[in-house]
Protein backbone atom coordinates (compact mmCIF):
# COMPACT_ATOMS: atom_id res chain seq x y z
CA MET A 1 -103.94 24.68 8.94
CA SER A 2 -100.32 25.36 7.95
CA LYS A 3 -97.53 23.14 9.23
CA TYR A 4 -96.53 25.94 11.59
CA GLU A 5 -100.02 26.29 13.04
CA GLU A 6 -100.11 22.52 13.34
CA ALA A 7 -96.84 22.60 15.31
CA LEU A 8 -98.23 25.26 17.65
CA SER A 9 -101.43 23.29 18.16
CA GLN A 10 -99.43 20.55 19.92
CA TYR A 11 -98.54 22.93 22.77
CA ASN A 12 -100.43 25.04 25.27
CA THR A 13 -99.70 28.61 24.22
CA ASP A 14 -102.62 30.19 26.07
CA LEU A 15 -100.63 31.48 29.02
CA ASN A 16 -101.58 33.92 31.75
CA ASP A 17 -98.92 36.57 32.38
CA GLU A 18 -99.84 37.07 36.04
CA LYS A 19 -99.69 33.33 36.69
CA VAL A 20 -96.27 33.09 35.00
CA ALA A 21 -94.95 35.97 37.13
CA ALA A 22 -96.24 34.30 40.31
CA GLU A 23 -94.67 30.94 39.37
CA VAL A 24 -91.31 32.60 38.69
CA ALA A 25 -91.42 34.51 41.99
CA ASN A 26 -92.21 31.30 43.87
CA LEU A 27 -89.47 29.32 42.11
CA LEU A 28 -86.83 31.96 42.86
CA ALA A 29 -87.96 32.38 46.47
CA LYS A 30 -87.53 28.63 47.01
CA HIS A 31 -84.33 27.92 45.10
CA LEU A 32 -82.26 31.04 44.33
CA GLU A 33 -80.23 31.17 47.52
CA GLU A 34 -79.10 27.53 47.30
CA ASN A 35 -77.34 28.37 44.01
CA ASN A 36 -75.43 31.33 45.44
CA THR A 37 -72.11 29.47 45.52
CA LYS A 38 -68.66 29.99 44.06
CA GLU A 39 -68.99 26.77 42.11
CA VAL A 40 -72.11 28.04 40.33
CA LYS A 41 -70.50 31.43 39.71
CA LYS A 42 -67.50 29.74 38.10
CA PHE A 43 -69.85 27.75 35.88
CA LEU A 44 -71.65 30.97 34.92
CA PHE A 45 -68.34 32.64 34.07
CA ASN A 46 -67.54 29.68 31.80
CA SER A 47 -70.95 30.19 30.13
CA VAL A 48 -70.43 33.89 29.35
CA GLU A 49 -70.51 35.04 25.73
CA LEU A 50 -68.12 37.96 26.03
CA THR A 51 -69.62 40.52 23.73
CA THR A 52 -68.63 43.72 21.96
CA LEU A 53 -71.30 45.16 19.68
CA LYS A 54 -70.48 48.85 19.60
CA THR A 55 -70.79 51.35 16.77
CA THR A 56 -67.20 52.30 17.58
CA ASP A 57 -65.78 48.75 17.24
CA SER A 58 -62.74 48.55 14.96
CA ASP A 59 -60.19 45.93 13.97
CA GLU A 60 -57.89 47.35 16.64
CA SER A 61 -60.46 47.36 19.44
CA VAL A 62 -61.66 43.84 18.63
CA LEU A 63 -58.06 42.63 18.48
CA LYS A 64 -57.46 43.99 22.02
CA PHE A 65 -60.76 42.45 23.15
CA VAL A 66 -59.72 38.99 21.94
CA GLU A 67 -56.19 39.34 23.29
CA LYS A 68 -57.69 39.77 26.77
CA VAL A 69 -59.32 36.34 26.36
CA ASN A 70 -55.93 34.92 25.36
CA LYS A 71 -54.21 36.57 28.33
CA PHE A 72 -56.85 35.29 30.74
CA ASP A 73 -55.78 31.72 29.98
CA ASP A 74 -52.25 32.61 31.07
CA ASP A 75 -53.19 34.62 34.17
CA TYR A 76 -56.03 32.46 35.54
CA PRO A 77 -55.59 28.93 34.13
CA GLU A 78 -57.52 27.42 37.05
CA LEU A 79 -60.71 29.31 36.13
CA GLY A 80 -61.18 27.99 32.60
CA HIS A 81 -62.45 30.46 30.03
CA VAL A 82 -65.51 32.20 28.67
CA ALA A 83 -67.65 30.18 26.27
CA THR A 84 -67.62 32.58 23.37
CA VAL A 85 -66.55 35.91 21.98
CA CYS A 86 -69.43 37.62 20.20
CA VAL A 87 -68.85 40.29 17.56
CA TYR A 88 -70.24 41.78 14.36
CA PRO A 89 -69.67 39.64 11.21
CA ASN A 90 -67.00 41.91 9.76
CA PHE A 91 -64.77 41.08 12.75
CA ALA A 92 -64.97 37.29 12.43
CA LYS A 93 -61.60 37.17 10.65
CA VAL A 94 -59.90 39.29 13.32
CA CYS A 95 -61.20 36.92 15.98
CA HIS A 96 -60.26 33.83 13.98
CA ASP A 97 -56.72 35.13 13.40
CA THR A 98 -56.20 36.29 17.01
CA LEU A 99 -58.01 33.83 19.28
CA GLU A 100 -55.62 31.20 20.64
CA ASN A 101 -57.99 28.99 22.63
CA GLU A 102 -59.79 26.67 20.22
CA GLU A 103 -62.40 25.85 22.88
CA VAL A 104 -63.71 29.45 22.81
CA GLU A 105 -66.34 29.84 20.10
CA ILE A 106 -66.55 32.80 17.72
CA ALA A 107 -70.15 33.98 17.54
CA CYS A 108 -71.31 36.60 15.07
CA VAL A 109 -74.58 38.48 15.18
CA SER A 110 -75.86 38.29 11.64
CA ALA A 111 -78.83 38.66 9.29
CA CYS A 112 -79.12 42.41 9.78
CA PHE A 113 -78.88 42.44 13.57
CA PRO A 114 -80.50 43.94 15.61
CA SER A 115 -83.66 44.75 13.62
CA SER A 116 -83.64 41.88 11.09
CA GLN A 117 -85.19 44.35 8.66
CA SER A 118 -83.78 43.54 5.25
CA PHE A 119 -83.99 41.13 2.34
CA ILE A 120 -83.43 37.44 2.98
CA GLU A 121 -80.73 37.50 0.29
CA VAL A 122 -78.78 40.07 2.33
CA LYS A 123 -79.23 38.02 5.51
CA VAL A 124 -77.98 34.89 3.76
CA ALA A 125 -74.96 36.66 2.29
CA GLU A 126 -73.94 38.22 5.59
CA THR A 127 -74.24 34.90 7.39
CA ALA A 128 -72.27 33.02 4.73
CA LEU A 129 -69.49 35.63 4.82
CA ALA A 130 -69.26 35.48 8.61
CA ILE A 131 -68.87 31.70 8.50
CA LYS A 132 -66.32 31.91 5.70
CA ASP A 133 -64.26 34.32 7.83
CA GLY A 134 -64.26 32.03 10.86
CA ALA A 135 -67.53 32.34 12.79
CA THR A 136 -68.37 29.10 14.55
CA GLU A 137 -71.79 30.26 15.79
CA ILE A 138 -74.38 32.64 14.35
CA ASP A 139 -76.92 34.75 16.26
CA ILE A 140 -79.89 36.08 14.29
CA VAL A 141 -83.07 37.95 15.19
CA GLN A 142 -86.38 36.46 14.12
CA SER A 143 -88.41 38.79 11.88
CA VAL A 144 -90.35 40.25 14.79
CA GLY A 145 -92.68 42.38 12.68
CA LYS A 146 -93.63 39.35 10.59
CA PHE A 147 -94.25 37.31 13.73
CA LEU A 148 -96.48 39.97 15.29
CA SER A 149 -98.49 40.25 12.09
CA GLY A 150 -99.06 36.48 12.13
CA ASP A 151 -96.84 35.67 9.16
CA TYR A 152 -95.32 32.61 10.79
CA GLU A 153 -94.42 31.08 7.45
CA THR A 154 -91.98 33.85 6.53
CA VAL A 155 -90.48 33.87 10.03
CA CYS A 156 -89.85 30.13 9.95
CA ASP A 157 -88.74 29.94 6.33
CA GLU A 158 -86.07 32.57 7.00
CA ILE A 159 -84.79 30.71 10.06
CA SER A 160 -84.70 27.44 8.11
CA GLU A 161 -82.83 29.04 5.21
CA LEU A 162 -80.27 30.61 7.53
CA LYS A 163 -79.79 27.33 9.39
CA GLU A 164 -79.08 25.70 6.04
CA VAL A 165 -76.38 28.32 5.43
CA CYS A 166 -74.92 27.59 8.88
CA GLY A 167 -74.69 23.86 8.25
CA ASP A 168 -73.04 22.30 11.30
CA LYS A 169 -72.41 25.71 12.89
CA LYS A 170 -74.79 26.53 15.75
CA LEU A 171 -77.65 28.94 15.04
CA LYS A 172 -79.09 31.03 17.88
CA VAL A 173 -82.45 32.67 17.21
CA ILE A 174 -83.17 35.85 19.17
CA LEU A 175 -86.87 36.29 19.90
CA GLU A 176 -86.61 39.91 21.16
CA THR A 177 -88.99 39.05 23.98
CA GLY A 178 -89.48 42.66 25.06
CA CYS A 179 -91.26 43.31 21.75
CA LEU A 180 -93.41 40.20 22.05
CA LYS A 181 -95.03 41.54 25.23
CA THR A 182 -96.94 38.44 26.35
CA ALA A 183 -96.02 35.00 27.65
CA SER A 184 -98.23 33.47 24.95
CA ASN A 185 -96.29 35.21 22.18
CA ILE A 186 -92.97 34.20 23.73
CA LYS A 187 -94.09 30.55 23.91
CA LYS A 188 -95.26 30.62 20.28
CA ALA A 189 -92.05 32.25 19.03
CA SER A 190 -89.93 29.73 20.98
CA ILE A 191 -91.74 26.76 19.46
CA LEU A 192 -91.62 28.12 15.93
CA ALA A 193 -87.91 28.94 16.15
CA MET A 194 -87.09 25.43 17.37
CA TYR A 195 -89.21 23.74 14.70
CA ALA A 196 -87.55 25.94 12.06
CA GLY A 197 -84.03 24.83 13.02
CA ALA A 198 -82.71 26.91 15.92
CA ASP A 199 -79.95 25.26 17.96
CA TYR A 200 -80.47 27.84 20.73
CA ILE A 201 -83.22 30.28 21.49
CA LYS A 202 -82.14 33.61 22.93
CA THR A 203 -84.16 36.27 24.73
CA SER A 204 -82.96 39.58 23.38
CA THR A 205 -80.49 41.66 21.42
CA GLY A 206 -79.74 43.88 24.40
CA LYS A 207 -80.43 46.86 22.14
CA LEU A 208 -84.06 47.32 23.26
CA GLU A 209 -85.79 47.51 26.64
CA PRO A 210 -86.98 45.41 28.28
CA ALA A 211 -84.31 42.85 27.41
CA ALA A 212 -84.06 39.49 29.20
CA THR A 213 -86.47 38.94 32.08
CA PRO A 214 -86.89 35.94 34.39
CA GLU A 215 -90.49 35.58 33.22
CA ALA A 216 -89.45 35.36 29.55
CA ALA A 217 -86.71 32.89 30.47
CA TYR A 218 -89.18 30.72 32.38
CA VAL A 219 -91.57 30.52 29.42
CA MET A 220 -88.74 29.81 26.96
CA CYS A 221 -87.33 27.06 29.16
CA GLN A 222 -90.76 25.48 29.48
CA ALA A 223 -91.02 25.50 25.68
CA ILE A 224 -87.56 23.93 25.34
CA LYS A 225 -88.50 21.18 27.81
CA GLU A 226 -91.80 20.42 26.07
CA TYR A 227 -90.10 20.40 22.66
CA TYR A 228 -87.42 18.03 24.00
CA ASN A 229 -90.08 15.70 25.42
CA LYS A 230 -91.86 15.57 22.05
CA THR A 231 -88.85 15.36 19.73
CA GLY A 232 -85.83 14.25 21.76
CA ILE A 233 -83.94 17.29 20.40
CA GLN A 234 -82.07 19.29 23.05
CA ILE A 235 -82.11 23.03 22.35
CA GLY A 236 -79.86 25.51 24.14
CA PHE A 237 -80.95 28.66 25.97
CA LYS A 238 -79.30 32.09 26.06
CA PRO A 239 -80.55 35.01 28.12
CA ALA A 240 -79.00 38.27 26.93
CA GLY A 241 -79.35 41.94 27.72
CA GLY A 242 -80.18 43.52 31.04
CA MET A 243 -77.98 41.27 33.17
CA LYS A 244 -76.33 43.82 35.45
CA THR A 245 -75.63 41.83 38.60
CA VAL A 246 -74.40 38.41 39.65
CA GLU A 247 -77.83 37.86 41.22
CA ASP A 248 -79.41 38.37 37.79
CA ALA A 249 -77.24 35.58 36.38
CA LEU A 250 -78.07 33.34 39.34
CA LYS A 251 -81.78 33.84 38.65
CA TYR A 252 -81.39 32.51 35.09
CA TYR A 253 -79.27 29.61 36.31
CA THR A 254 -81.95 28.74 38.88
CA ILE A 255 -84.72 28.83 36.28
CA VAL A 256 -82.76 26.60 33.91
CA LYS A 257 -81.89 24.17 36.71
CA GLU A 258 -85.46 23.89 38.00
CA VAL A 259 -87.31 23.87 34.65
CA LEU A 260 -84.85 22.04 32.39
CA GLY A 261 -82.68 20.11 34.82
CA GLU A 262 -79.04 19.10 35.13
CA LYS A 263 -78.73 18.10 31.49
CA TRP A 264 -78.80 21.79 30.55
CA LEU A 265 -76.22 22.85 33.14
CA THR A 266 -73.31 22.89 30.69
CA ASN A 267 -72.04 25.77 28.61
CA GLN A 268 -73.00 23.79 25.53
CA TYR A 269 -76.66 24.42 26.42
CA LEU A 270 -76.66 27.50 28.65
CA ARG A 271 -75.03 30.74 27.58
CA LEU A 272 -75.12 34.24 29.04
CA GLY A 273 -74.97 37.17 26.64
CA THR A 274 -73.12 39.86 28.56
CA SER A 275 -69.83 41.64 28.98
CA SER A 276 -70.22 43.64 32.17
CA LEU A 277 -70.94 40.50 34.18
CA ALA A 278 -67.61 38.77 33.54
CA ASN A 279 -65.62 40.97 35.95
CA LYS A 280 -68.40 40.85 38.58
CA LEU A 281 -68.47 37.06 38.52
CA LEU A 282 -64.67 36.91 38.76
CA SER A 283 -64.69 39.35 41.69
CA GLU A 284 -67.08 37.14 43.66
CA ILE A 285 -65.20 33.95 42.76
CA LEU A 286 -61.84 35.40 43.85
CA ASP A 287 -63.11 37.56 46.75
CA LYS A 288 -61.47 40.71 45.41
CA GLU A 289 -62.32 43.33 42.83
CA ILE A 290 -61.31 42.19 39.34
CA LYS A 291 -61.31 44.47 36.31
CA PHE A 292 -59.77 42.12 33.80
CA PHE A 293 -62.17 42.44 30.86
């Protein structure tokens, strides 16, 4: 038994998808509405990772994107700020040179996002360059094909090597849950990523469908809680992709609150990967249509 199989053996990964779906439906039916408050929506806005990952991104467009974050501080000082700006690695320097609020993190998707299909040497180089240029957080995709073929060693070794490159910078590992298909696979991938060095586990790239789902979030949060109980290490959670409505965001908040508890209700441990949601959250907080971002 490899050390990775040994790690998995400490957890129940034999999950029933129908049972998970029923548990999620029950949890949301009981608790969702109680979280439908302006206070929660403000917290969710402060947890947003404002993201631009377009083929058409340029230095100029990213500069304007970051300047909106700067301007928000001036226009709405009472509302705080987003948690992060998230860009491709080649725009880390633009963000670093433009961003005025030091409390807003600069996240870069790296290691051949979104497919993770390349040589580990390329993934390492891209990650190191992003950090050199000012990235304070790194988002990578686990090698999904390797995971599905049962090559857990390569999956984990890559994560560990990239975490070593990150040093004290946070590493988020994207599981791409839509490709994993089953709750059992999502639980296994969550555990392996955490044991390999992830600081956060993240649902999806947003480039494939299905992206984040409440069921995937529920399984991932259960894995985080069990890992915390065994190791004392608190891992963050980031749903990303597919969040179109404020209600979607409230569902993830409710799952985190009920499964993980109050200790995770901080933007140091809960992030939302989205851009379209920022204006919708602001509109509901301020009771008028906002099209700021």
